[in-house]
Structures are given as structure tokens and as C-alpha cells.
């Protein structure tokens, strides 16, 4: 096995573990917040707002340093918005009791 392939496999494994850990953390925080009386709509809004504040600077940094990314045009923005809407609706329906 090549060293580059090994590092790529380690990176993919670490990314998977970190995403699953984040998912478990959000579910635990959701359960604690709803037991104290927070509406799940408010929780979803807060989680998306925090995610946007965390990921937006990262995206802007990588956009400036990499020229491999496609240019931002309307079809790309509409696809991103559509995926965001699907994700938000999926989260609302999954937390709805």
C-alpha cells in the first residue's frame, strides 16, 4: 500500500468518526434542550445558524486559496439552496414527535 493511499484512508476514517461524533453530540444536546422546554424549530434554527457561522469562514478561506473550485453561478447556488432546504426539512421531520 502506498503512503499516500494510507494517509487518505486515515483522513477519511478520521472525518467519518468526527462527523458521527458531531451527530451524536447534536442529538444529545437536542434531547437536553427539549427536556428543558425548547421548541425543536428554535433548536433547528440555532443549529443551522451555528453551522453557518462555523463553516462560512472555512469556505471563504478555501475559495481564496484554491483555484480548482468552480466559479459561483446561479445553477450552483440554486443546487446548494435546494440541498439546504432538503436537509432542513429532513431534520424538522426527524425531530418531530
PDB file of N, CA and C in Angstrom:
ATOM      1  N   UNK A   1       0.843  -1.177   0.000  1.00  0.00           N
ATOM      2  CA  UNK A   1       0.000   0.000   0.000  1.00  0.00           C
ATOM      3  C   UNK A   1       0.888   1.239   0.000  1.00  0.00           C
ATOM      4  N   UNK A   2       0.550   2.170  -0.822  1.00  0.00           N
ATOM      5  CA  UNK A   2       1.304   3.415  -0.945  1.00  0.00           C
ATOM      6  C   UNK A   2       1.040   4.309   0.266  1.00  0.00           C
ATOM      7  N   UNK A   3       2.054   5.114   0.618  1.00  0.00           N
ATOM      8  CA  UNK A   3       1.895   6.022   1.765  1.00  0.00           C
ATOM      9  C   UNK A   3       0.773   7.022   1.560  1.00  0.00           C
ATOM     10  N   UNK A   4       0.632   7.533   0.336  1.00  0.00           N
ATOM     11  CA  UNK A   4      -0.435   8.495   0.055  1.00  0.00           C
ATOM     12  C   UNK A   4      -1.809   7.879   0.243  1.00  0.00           C
ATOM     13  N   UNK A   5      -1.945   6.608  -0.188  1.00  0.00           N
ATOM     14  CA  UNK A   5      -3.224   5.925  -0.002  1.00  0.00           C
ATOM     15  C   UNK A   5      -3.513   5.694   1.472  1.00  0.00           C
ATOM     16  N   UNK A   6      -2.482   5.375   2.234  1.00  0.00           N
ATOM     17  CA  UNK A   6      -2.665   5.149   3.661  1.00  0.00           C
ATOM     18  C   UNK A   6      -3.125   6.424   4.360  1.00  0.00           C
ATOM     19  N   UNK A   7      -2.493   7.555   4.050  1.00  0.00           N
ATOM     20  CA  UNK A   7      -2.897   8.811   4.668  1.00  0.00           C
ATOM     21  C   UNK A   7      -4.304   9.210   4.246  1.00  0.00           C
ATOM     22  N   UNK A   8      -4.656   8.928   3.005  1.00  0.00           N
ATOM     23  CA  UNK A   8      -6.002   9.238   2.550  1.00  0.00           C
ATOM     24  C   UNK A   8      -7.030   8.385   3.301  1.00  0.00           C
ATOM     25  N   UNK A   9      -6.725   7.122   3.507  1.00  0.00           N
ATOM     26  CA  UNK A   9      -7.622   6.253   4.263  1.00  0.00           C
ATOM     27  C   UNK A   9      -7.754   6.715   5.713  1.00  0.00           C
ATOM     28  N   UNK A  10      -6.651   7.122   6.319  1.00  0.00           N
ATOM     29  CA  UNK A  10      -6.683   7.620   7.695  1.00  0.00           C
ATOM     30  C   UNK A  10      -7.504   8.899   7.778  1.00  0.00           C
ATOM     31  N   UNK A  11      -7.331   9.781   6.800  1.00  0.00           N
ATOM     32  CA  UNK A  11      -8.084  11.034   6.777  1.00  0.00           C
ATOM     33  C   UNK A  11      -9.578  10.767   6.617  1.00  0.00           C
ATOM     34  N   UNK A  12      -9.946   9.852   5.733  1.00  0.00           N
ATOM     35  CA  UNK A  12     -11.355   9.521   5.550  1.00  0.00           C
ATOM     36  C   UNK A  12     -11.949   8.893   6.811  1.00  0.00           C
ATOM     37  N   UNK A  13     -11.187   8.029   7.456  1.00  0.00           N
ATOM     38  CA  UNK A  13     -11.656   7.421   8.703  1.00  0.00           C
ATOM     39  C   UNK A  13     -11.847   8.480   9.789  1.00  0.00           C
ATOM     40  N   UNK A  14     -10.891   9.390   9.912  1.00  0.00           N
ATOM     41  CA  UNK A  14     -10.993  10.455  10.922  1.00  0.00           C
ATOM     42  C   UNK A  14     -12.180  11.365  10.630  1.00  0.00           C
ATOM     43  N   UNK A  15     -12.423  11.670   9.366  1.00  0.00           N
ATOM     44  CA  UNK A  15     -13.565  12.511   9.010  1.00  0.00           C
ATOM     45  C   UNK A  15     -14.881  11.809   9.351  1.00  0.00           C
ATOM     46  N   UNK A  16     -14.961  10.515   9.083  1.00  0.00           N
ATOM     47  CA  UNK A  16     -16.168   9.760   9.390  1.00  0.00           C
ATOM     48  C   UNK A  16     -16.421   9.712  10.893  1.00  0.00           C
ATOM     49  N   UNK A  17     -15.386   9.451  11.666  1.00  0.00           N
ATOM     50  CA  UNK A  17     -15.538   9.389  13.121  1.00  0.00           C
ATOM     51  C   UNK A  17     -15.934  10.757  13.678  1.00  0.00           C
ATOM     52  N   UNK A  18     -15.342  11.828  13.169  1.00  0.00           N
ATOM     53  CA  UNK A  18     -15.681  13.157  13.678  1.00  0.00           C
ATOM     54  C   UNK A  18     -17.107  13.551  13.309  1.00  0.00           C
ATOM     55  N   UNK A  19     -17.562  13.193  12.118  1.00  0.00           N
ATOM     56  CA  UNK A  19     -18.940  13.508  11.748  1.00  0.00           C
ATOM     57  C   UNK A  19     -19.946  12.719  12.575  1.00  0.00           C
ATOM     58  N   UNK A  20     -19.667  11.460  12.817  1.00  0.00           N
ATOM     59  CA  UNK A  20     -20.565  10.669  13.659  1.00  0.00           C
ATOM     60  C   UNK A  20     -20.576  11.182  15.103  1.00  0.00           C
ATOM     61  N   UNK A  21     -19.420  11.601  15.597  1.00  0.00           N
ATOM     62  CA  UNK A  21     -19.351  12.180  16.944  1.00  0.00           C
ATOM     63  C   UNK A  21     -20.144  13.466  17.025  1.00  0.00           C
ATOM     64  N   UNK A  22     -20.050  14.291  15.997  1.00  0.00           N
ATOM     65  CA  UNK A  22     -20.824  15.528  15.971  1.00  0.00           C
ATOM     66  C   UNK A  22     -22.320  15.237  15.917  1.00  0.00           C
ATOM     67  N   UNK A  23     -22.710  14.221  15.163  1.00  0.00           N
ATOM     68  CA  UNK A  23     -24.117  13.850  15.080  1.00  0.00           C
ATOM     69  C   UNK A  23     -24.642  13.374  16.429  1.00  0.00           C
ATOM     70  N   UNK A  24     -23.882  12.575  17.125  1.00  0.00           N
ATOM     71  CA  UNK A  24     -24.276  12.113  18.454  1.00  0.00           C
ATOM     72  C   UNK A  24     -24.355  13.296  19.419  1.00  0.00           C
ATOM     73  N   UNK A  25     -23.401  14.210  19.334  1.00  0.00           N
ATOM     74  CA  UNK A  25     -23.419  15.393  20.190  1.00  0.00           C
ATOM     75  C   UNK A  25     -24.648  16.254  19.964  1.00  0.00           C
ATOM     76  N   UNK A  26     -25.023  16.450  18.709  1.00  0.00           N
ATOM     77  CA  UNK A  26     -26.217  17.247  18.403  1.00  0.00           C
ATOM     78  C   UNK A  26     -27.465  16.556  18.931  1.00  0.00           C
ATOM     79  N   UNK A  27     -27.531  15.243  18.806  1.00  0.00           N
ATOM     80  CA  UNK A  27     -28.702  14.521  19.325  1.00  0.00           C
ATOM     81  C   UNK A  27     -28.793  14.616  20.846  1.00  0.00           C
ATOM     82  N   UNK A  28     -27.677  14.553  21.535  1.00  0.00           N
ATOM     83  CA  UNK A  28     -27.678  14.681  22.995  1.00  0.00           C
ATOM     84  C   UNK A  28     -28.100  16.091  23.401  1.00  0.00           C
ATOM     85  N   UNK A  29     -27.566  17.093  22.724  1.00  0.00           N
ATOM     86  CA  UNK A  29     -27.937  18.476  23.028  1.00  0.00           C
ATOM     87  C   UNK A  29     -29.413  18.709  22.722  1.00  0.00           C
ATOM     88  N   UNK A  30     -29.900  18.121  21.620  1.00  0.00           N
ATOM     89  CA  UNK A  30     -31.319  18.250  21.285  1.00  0.00           C
ATOM     90  C   UNK A  30     -32.198  17.668  22.390  1.00  0.00           C
ATOM     91  N   UNK A  31     -31.842  16.486  22.869  1.00  0.00           N
ATOM     92  CA  UNK A  31     -32.645  15.851  23.916  1.00  0.00           C
ATOM     93  C   UNK A  31     -32.647  16.691  25.193  1.00  0.00           C
ATOM     94  N   UNK A  32     -31.486  17.219  25.557  1.00  0.00           N
ATOM     95  CA  UNK A  32     -31.409  18.052  26.761  1.00  0.00           C
ATOM     96  C   UNK A  32     -32.195  19.351  26.587  1.00  0.00           C
ATOM     97  N   UNK A  33     -32.137  19.937  25.395  1.00  0.00           N
ATOM     98  CA  UNK A  33     -32.844  21.201  25.169  1.00  0.00           C
ATOM     99  C   UNK A  33     -34.352  21.006  25.163  1.00  0.00           C
ATOM    100  N   UNK A  34     -34.825  19.928  24.564  1.00  0.00           N
ATOM    101  CA  UNK A  34     -36.267  19.723  24.530  1.00  0.00           C
ATOM    102  C   UNK A  34     -36.821  19.325  25.896  1.00  0.00           C
ATOM    103  N   UNK A  35     -36.018  18.657  26.713  1.00  0.00           N
ATOM    104  CA  UNK A  35     -36.483  18.335  28.062  1.00  0.00           C
ATOM    105  C   UNK A  35     -36.635  19.594  28.909  1.00  0.00           C
ATOM    106  N   UNK A  36     -35.874  20.640  28.583  1.00  0.00           N
ATOM    107  CA  UNK A  36     -35.997  21.902  29.325  1.00  0.00           C
ATOM    108  C   UNK A  36     -37.066  22.807  28.724  1.00  0.00           C
ATOM    109  N   UNK A  37     -37.694  22.378  27.614  1.00  0.00           N
ATOM    110  CA  UNK A  37     -38.809  23.137  27.066  1.00  0.00           C
ATOM    111  C   UNK A  37     -38.526  23.905  25.791  1.00  0.00           C
ATOM    112  N   UNK A  38     -37.370  23.750  25.191  1.00  0.00           N
ATOM    113  CA  UNK A  38     -37.071  24.470  23.955  1.00  0.00           C
ATOM    114  C   UNK A  38     -37.821  23.839  22.790  1.00  0.00           C
ATOM    115  N   UNK A  39     -38.368  24.681  21.934  1.00  0.00           N
ATOM    116  CA  UNK A  39     -39.052  24.203  20.744  1.00  0.00           C
ATOM    117  C   UNK A  39     -38.038  23.617  19.766  1.00  0.00           C
ATOM    118  N   UNK A  40     -38.433  22.559  19.073  1.00  0.00           N
ATOM    119  CA  UNK A  40     -37.490  21.954  18.137  1.00  0.00           C
ATOM    120  C   UNK A  40     -37.238  22.841  16.930  1.00  0.00           C
ATOM    121  N   UNK A  41     -38.187  23.712  16.592  1.00  0.00           N
ATOM    122  CA  UNK A  41     -37.951  24.669  15.500  1.00  0.00           C
ATOM    123  C   UNK A  41     -36.844  25.656  15.871  1.00  0.00           C
ATOM    124  N   UNK A  42     -36.866  26.110  17.108  1.00  0.00           N
ATOM    125  CA  UNK A  42     -35.829  27.021  17.584  1.00  0.00           C
ATOM    126  C   UNK A  42     -34.479  26.309  17.630  1.00  0.00           C
ATOM    127  N   UNK A  43     -34.476  25.062  18.065  1.00  0.00           N
ATOM    128  CA  UNK A  43     -33.231  24.297  18.107  1.00  0.00           C
ATOM    129  C   UNK A  43     -32.651  24.117  16.709  1.00  0.00           C
ATOM    130  N   UNK A  44     -33.483  23.795  15.738  1.00  0.00           N
ATOM    131  CA  UNK A  44     -33.007  23.627  14.363  1.00  0.00           C
ATOM    132  C   UNK A  44     -32.463  24.938  13.829  1.00  0.00           C
ATOM    133  N   UNK A  45     -33.145  26.057  14.121  1.00  0.00           N
ATOM    134  CA  UNK A  45     -32.644  27.356  13.673  1.00  0.00           C
ATOM    135  C   UNK A  45     -31.275  27.641  14.282  1.00  0.00           C
ATOM    136  N   UNK A  46     -31.134  27.408  15.568  1.00  0.00           N
ATOM    137  CA  UNK A  46     -29.844  27.652  16.221  1.00  0.00           C
ATOM    138  C   UNK A  46     -28.738  26.748  15.661  1.00  0.00           C
ATOM    139  N   UNK A  47     -29.064  25.489  15.423  1.00  0.00           N
ATOM    140  CA  UNK A  47     -28.031  24.584  14.915  1.00  0.00           C
ATOM    141  C   UNK A  47     -27.598  24.985  13.510  1.00  0.00           C
ATOM    142  N   UNK A  48     -28.524  25.401  12.661  1.00  0.00           N
ATOM    143  CA  UNK A  48     -28.140  25.852  11.324  1.00  0.00           C
ATOM    144  C   UNK A  48     -27.386  27.179  11.378  1.00  0.00           C
ATOM    145  N   UNK A  49     -27.763  28.070  12.282  1.00  0.00           N
ATOM    146  CA  UNK A  49     -27.055  29.349  12.405  1.00  0.00           C
ATOM    147  C   UNK A  49     -25.623  29.122  12.881  1.00  0.00           C
ATOM    148  N   UNK A  50     -25.426  28.258  13.862  1.00  0.00           N
ATOM    149  CA  UNK A  50     -24.072  27.974  14.348  1.00  0.00           C
ATOM    150  C   UNK A  50     -23.251  27.288  13.264  1.00  0.00           C
ATOM    151  N   UNK A  51     -23.866  26.349  12.541  1.00  0.00           N
ATOM    152  CA  UNK A  51     -23.167  25.682  11.447  1.00  0.00           C
ATOM    153  C   UNK A  51     -22.738  26.652  10.361  1.00  0.00           C
ATOM    154  N   UNK A  52     -23.595  27.614  10.051  1.00  0.00           N
ATOM    155  CA  UNK A  52     -23.249  28.622   9.050  1.00  0.00           C
ATOM    156  C   UNK A  52     -22.106  29.499   9.532  1.00  0.00           C
ATOM    157  N   UNK A  53     -22.153  29.926  10.776  1.00  0.00           N
ATOM    158  CA  UNK A  53     -21.091  30.779  11.308  1.00  0.00           C
ATOM    159  C   UNK A  53     -19.746  30.058  11.375  1.00  0.00           C
ATOM    160  N   UNK A  54     -19.777  28.750  11.591  1.00  0.00           N
ATOM    161  CA  UNK A  54     -18.530  27.985  11.663  1.00  0.00           C
ATOM    162  C   UNK A  54     -17.983  27.687  10.270  1.00  0.00           C
ATOM    163  N   UNK A  55     -18.861  27.285   9.352  1.00  0.00           N
ATOM    164  CA  UNK A  55     -18.399  26.822   8.047  1.00  0.00           C
ATOM    165  C   UNK A  55     -18.180  27.931   7.021  1.00  0.00           C
ATOM    166  N   UNK A  56     -18.827  29.065   7.176  1.00  0.00           N
ATOM    167  CA  UNK A  56     -18.668  30.130   6.189  1.00  0.00           C
ATOM    168  C   UNK A  56     -17.235  30.651   6.105  1.00  0.00           C
ATOM    169  N   UNK A  57     -16.555  30.939   7.220  1.00  0.00           N
ATOM    170  CA  UNK A  57     -15.158  31.377   7.102  1.00  0.00           C
ATOM    171  C   UNK A  57     -14.248  30.306   6.499  1.00  0.00           C
ATOM    172  N   UNK A  58     -14.520  29.042   6.805  1.00  0.00           N
ATOM    173  CA  UNK A  58     -13.724  27.955   6.229  1.00  0.00           C
ATOM    174  C   UNK A  58     -13.910  27.914   4.716  1.00  0.00           C
ATOM    175  N   UNK A  59     -15.149  28.032   4.263  1.00  0.00           N
ATOM    176  CA  UNK A  59     -15.432  28.005   2.832  1.00  0.00           C
ATOM    177  C   UNK A  59     -14.793  29.196   2.119  1.00  0.00           C
ATOM    178  N   UNK A  60     -14.856  30.364   2.735  1.00  0.00           N
ATOM    179  CA  UNK A  60     -14.238  31.535   2.106  1.00  0.00           C
ATOM    180  C   UNK A  60     -12.726  31.410   2.054  1.00  0.00           C
ATOM    181  N   UNK A  61     -12.125  30.819   3.073  1.00  0.00           N
ATOM    182  CA  UNK A  61     -10.677  30.618   3.078  1.00  0.00           C
ATOM    183  C   UNK A  61     -10.257  29.673   1.957  1.00  0.00           C
ATOM    184  N   UNK A  62     -10.951  28.543   1.828  1.00  0.00           N
ATOM    185  CA  UNK A  62     -10.591  27.586   0.787  1.00  0.00           C
ATOM    186  C   UNK A  62     -10.920  28.116  -0.603  1.00  0.00           C
ATOM    187  N   UNK A  63     -11.904  28.966  -0.719  1.00  0.00           N
ATOM    188  CA  UNK A  63     -12.247  29.560  -2.016  1.00  0.00           C
ATOM    189  C   UNK A  63     -11.113  30.460  -2.497  1.00  0.00           C
ATOM    190  N   UNK A  64     -10.494  31.186  -1.584  1.00  0.00           N
ATOM    191  CA  UNK A  64      -9.416  32.105  -1.967  1.00  0.00           C
ATOM    192  C   UNK A  64      -8.110  31.378  -2.257  1.00  0.00           C
ATOM    193  N   UNK A  65      -7.853  30.272  -1.565  1.00  0.00           N
ATOM    194  CA  UNK A  65      -6.566  29.593  -1.731  1.00  0.00           C
ATOM    195  C   UNK A  65      -6.568  28.564  -2.847  1.00  0.00           C
ATOM    196  N   UNK A  66      -7.723  28.131  -3.300  1.00  0.00           N
ATOM    197  CA  UNK A  66      -7.784  27.091  -4.322  1.00  0.00           C
ATOM    198  C   UNK A  66      -8.459  27.633  -5.571  1.00  0.00           C
ATOM    199  N   UNK A  67      -7.827  27.410  -6.697  1.00  0.00           N
ATOM    200  CA  UNK A  67      -8.425  27.804  -7.978  1.00  0.00           C
ATOM    201  C   UNK A  67      -9.061  26.611  -8.673  1.00  0.00           C
ATOM    202  N   UNK A  68      -9.128  25.474  -7.995  1.00  0.00           N
ATOM    203  CA  UNK A  68      -9.724  24.279  -8.577  1.00  0.00           C
ATOM    204  C   UNK A  68     -11.240  24.264  -8.434  1.00  0.00           C
ATOM    205  N   UNK A  69     -11.775  25.113  -7.583  1.00  0.00           N
ATOM    206  CA  UNK A  69     -13.212  25.148  -7.367  1.00  0.00           C
ATOM    207  C   UNK A  69     -13.910  25.831  -8.532  1.00  0.00           C
ATOM    208  N   UNK A  70     -15.120  25.405  -8.863  1.00  0.00           N
ATOM    209  CA  UNK A  70     -15.835  26.048  -9.975  1.00  0.00           C
ATOM    210  C   UNK A  70     -16.276  27.454  -9.593  1.00  0.00           C
ATOM    211  N   UNK A  71     -16.514  28.259 -10.611  1.00  0.00           N
ATOM    212  CA  UNK A  71     -16.988  29.618 -10.344  1.00  0.00           C
ATOM    213  C   UNK A  71     -18.422  29.550  -9.830  1.00  0.00           C
ATOM    214  N   UNK A  72     -18.767  30.507  -9.001  1.00  0.00           N
ATOM    215  CA  UNK A  72     -20.089  30.516  -8.389  1.00  0.00           C
ATOM    216  C   UNK A  72     -21.058  31.196  -9.340  1.00  0.00           C
ATOM    217  N   UNK A  73     -21.990  30.404  -9.858  1.00  0.00           N
ATOM    218  CA  UNK A  73     -23.025  30.904 -10.754  1.00  0.00           C
ATOM    219  C   UNK A  73     -24.373  30.456 -10.223  1.00  0.00           C
ATOM    220  N   UNK A  74     -25.440  30.938 -10.844  1.00  0.00           N
ATOM    221  CA  UNK A  74     -26.793  30.662 -10.351  1.00  0.00           C
ATOM    222  C   UNK A  74     -27.120  29.175 -10.241  1.00  0.00           C
ATOM    223  N   UNK A  75     -26.788  28.327 -11.221  1.00  0.00           N
ATOM    224  CA  UNK A  75     -27.122  26.900 -11.055  1.00  0.00           C
ATOM    225  C   UNK A  75     -26.476  26.266  -9.814  1.00  0.00           C
ATOM    226  N   UNK A  76     -25.246  26.651  -9.522  1.00  0.00           N
ATOM    227  CA  UNK A  76     -24.568  26.115  -8.333  1.00  0.00           C
ATOM    228  C   UNK A  76     -25.238  26.613  -7.063  1.00  0.00           C
ATOM    229  N   UNK A  77     -25.556  27.885  -7.011  1.00  0.00           N
ATOM    230  CA  UNK A  77     -26.213  28.449  -5.829  1.00  0.00           C
ATOM    231  C   UNK A  77     -27.598  27.841  -5.634  1.00  0.00           C
ATOM    232  N   UNK A  78     -28.337  27.635  -6.722  1.00  0.00           N
ATOM    233  CA  UNK A  78     -29.673  27.045  -6.594  1.00  0.00           C
ATOM    234  C   UNK A  78     -29.590  25.601  -6.103  1.00  0.00           C
ATOM    235  N   UNK A  79     -28.584  24.845  -6.542  1.00  0.00           N
ATOM    236  CA  UNK A  79     -28.418  23.471  -6.055  1.00  0.00           C
ATOM    237  C   UNK A  79     -28.066  23.455  -4.570  1.00  0.00           C
ATOM    238  N   UNK A  80     -27.203  24.349  -4.150  1.00  0.00           N
ATOM    239  CA  UNK A  80     -26.832  24.428  -2.738  1.00  0.00           C
ATOM    240  C   UNK A  80     -28.045  24.787  -1.881  1.00  0.00           C
ATOM    241  N   UNK A  81     -28.838  25.756  -2.331  1.00  0.00           N
ATOM    242  CA  UNK A  81     -30.037  26.141  -1.586  1.00  0.00           C
ATOM    243  C   UNK A  81     -31.044  25.003  -1.532  1.00  0.00           C
ATOM    244  N   UNK A  82     -31.199  24.266  -2.640  1.00  0.00           N
ATOM    245  CA  UNK A  82     -32.123  23.141  -2.672  1.00  0.00           C
ATOM    246  C   UNK A  82     -31.683  22.043  -1.709  1.00  0.00           C
ATOM    247  N   UNK A  83     -30.394  21.740  -1.679  1.00  0.00           N
ATOM    248  CA  UNK A  83     -29.889  20.738  -0.744  1.00  0.00           C
ATOM    249  C   UNK A  83     -30.041  21.194   0.704  1.00  0.00           C
ATOM    250  N   UNK A  84     -29.835  22.492   0.959  1.00  0.00           N
ATOM    251  CA  UNK A  84     -30.038  23.031   2.298  1.00  0.00           C
ATOM    252  C   UNK A  84     -31.490  22.926   2.738  1.00  0.00           C
ATOM    253  N   UNK A  85     -32.406  23.188   1.815  1.00  0.00           N
ATOM    254  CA  UNK A  85     -33.833  23.071   2.123  1.00  0.00           C
ATOM    255  C   UNK A  85     -34.209  21.628   2.422  1.00  0.00           C
ATOM    256  N   UNK A  86     -33.705  20.704   1.620  1.00  0.00           N
ATOM    257  CA  UNK A  86     -33.980  19.285   1.869  1.00  0.00           C
ATOM    258  C   UNK A  86     -33.424  18.860   3.226  1.00  0.00           C
ATOM    259  N   UNK A  87     -32.211  19.289   3.550  1.00  0.00           N
ATOM    260  CA  UNK A  87     -31.610  18.943   4.832  1.00  0.00           C
ATOM    261  C   UNK A  87     -32.377  19.508   6.005  1.00  0.00           C
ATOM    262  N   UNK A  88     -32.818  20.748   5.875  1.00  0.00           N
ATOM    263  CA  UNK A  88     -33.578  21.384   6.954  1.00  0.00           C
ATOM    264  C   UNK A  88     -34.923  20.686   7.155  1.00  0.00           C
ATOM    265  N   UNK A  89     -35.608  20.381   6.073  1.00  0.00           N
ATOM    266  CA  UNK A  89     -36.891  19.688   6.182  1.00  0.00           C
ATOM    267  C   UNK A  89     -36.713  18.283   6.744  1.00  0.00           C
ATOM    268  N   UNK A  90     -35.647  17.608   6.342  1.00  0.00           N
ATOM    269  CA  UNK A  90     -35.382  16.270   6.881  1.00  0.00           C
ATOM    270  C   UNK A  90     -35.133  16.328   8.382  1.00  0.00           C
ATOM    271  N   UNK A  91     -34.422  17.337   8.828  1.00  0.00           N
ATOM    272  CA  UNK A  91     -34.159  17.460  10.262  1.00  0.00           C
ATOM    273  C   UNK A  91     -35.434  17.816  11.023  1.00  0.00           C
ATOM    274  N   UNK A  92     -36.263  18.677  10.452  1.00  0.00           N
ATOM    275  CA  UNK A  92     -37.532  19.031  11.106  1.00  0.00           C
ATOM    276  C   UNK A  92     -38.409  17.787  11.236  1.00  0.00           C
ATOM    277  N   UNK A  93     -38.514  17.019  10.165  1.00  0.00           N
ATOM    278  CA  UNK A  93     -39.379  15.829  10.202  1.00  0.00           C
ATOM    279  C   UNK A  93     -38.803  14.732  11.087  1.00  0.00           C
ATOM    280  N   UNK A  94     -37.481  14.671  11.203  1.00  0.00           N
ATOM    281  CA  UNK A  94     -36.910  13.625  12.053  1.00  0.00           C
ATOM    282  C   UNK A  94     -37.058  13.966  13.536  1.00  0.00           C
ATOM    283  N   UNK A  95     -37.054  15.251  13.899  1.00  0.00           N
ATOM    284  CA  UNK A  95     -37.210  15.623  15.294  1.00  0.00           C
ATOM    285  C   UNK A  95     -38.675  15.741  15.702  1.00  0.00           C
ATOM    286  N   UNK A  96     -39.569  15.834  14.757  1.00  0.00           N
ATOM    287  CA  UNK A  96     -40.998  15.955  15.067  1.00  0.00           C
ATOM    288  C   UNK A  96     -41.479  14.672  15.718  1.00  0.00           C
ATOM    289  N   UNK A  97     -42.089  14.818  16.848  1.00  0.00           N
ATOM    290  CA  UNK A  97     -42.524  13.629  17.603  1.00  0.00           C
ATOM    291  C   UNK A  97     -43.952  13.281  17.331  1.00  0.00           C
TER     292      UNK A  97
END
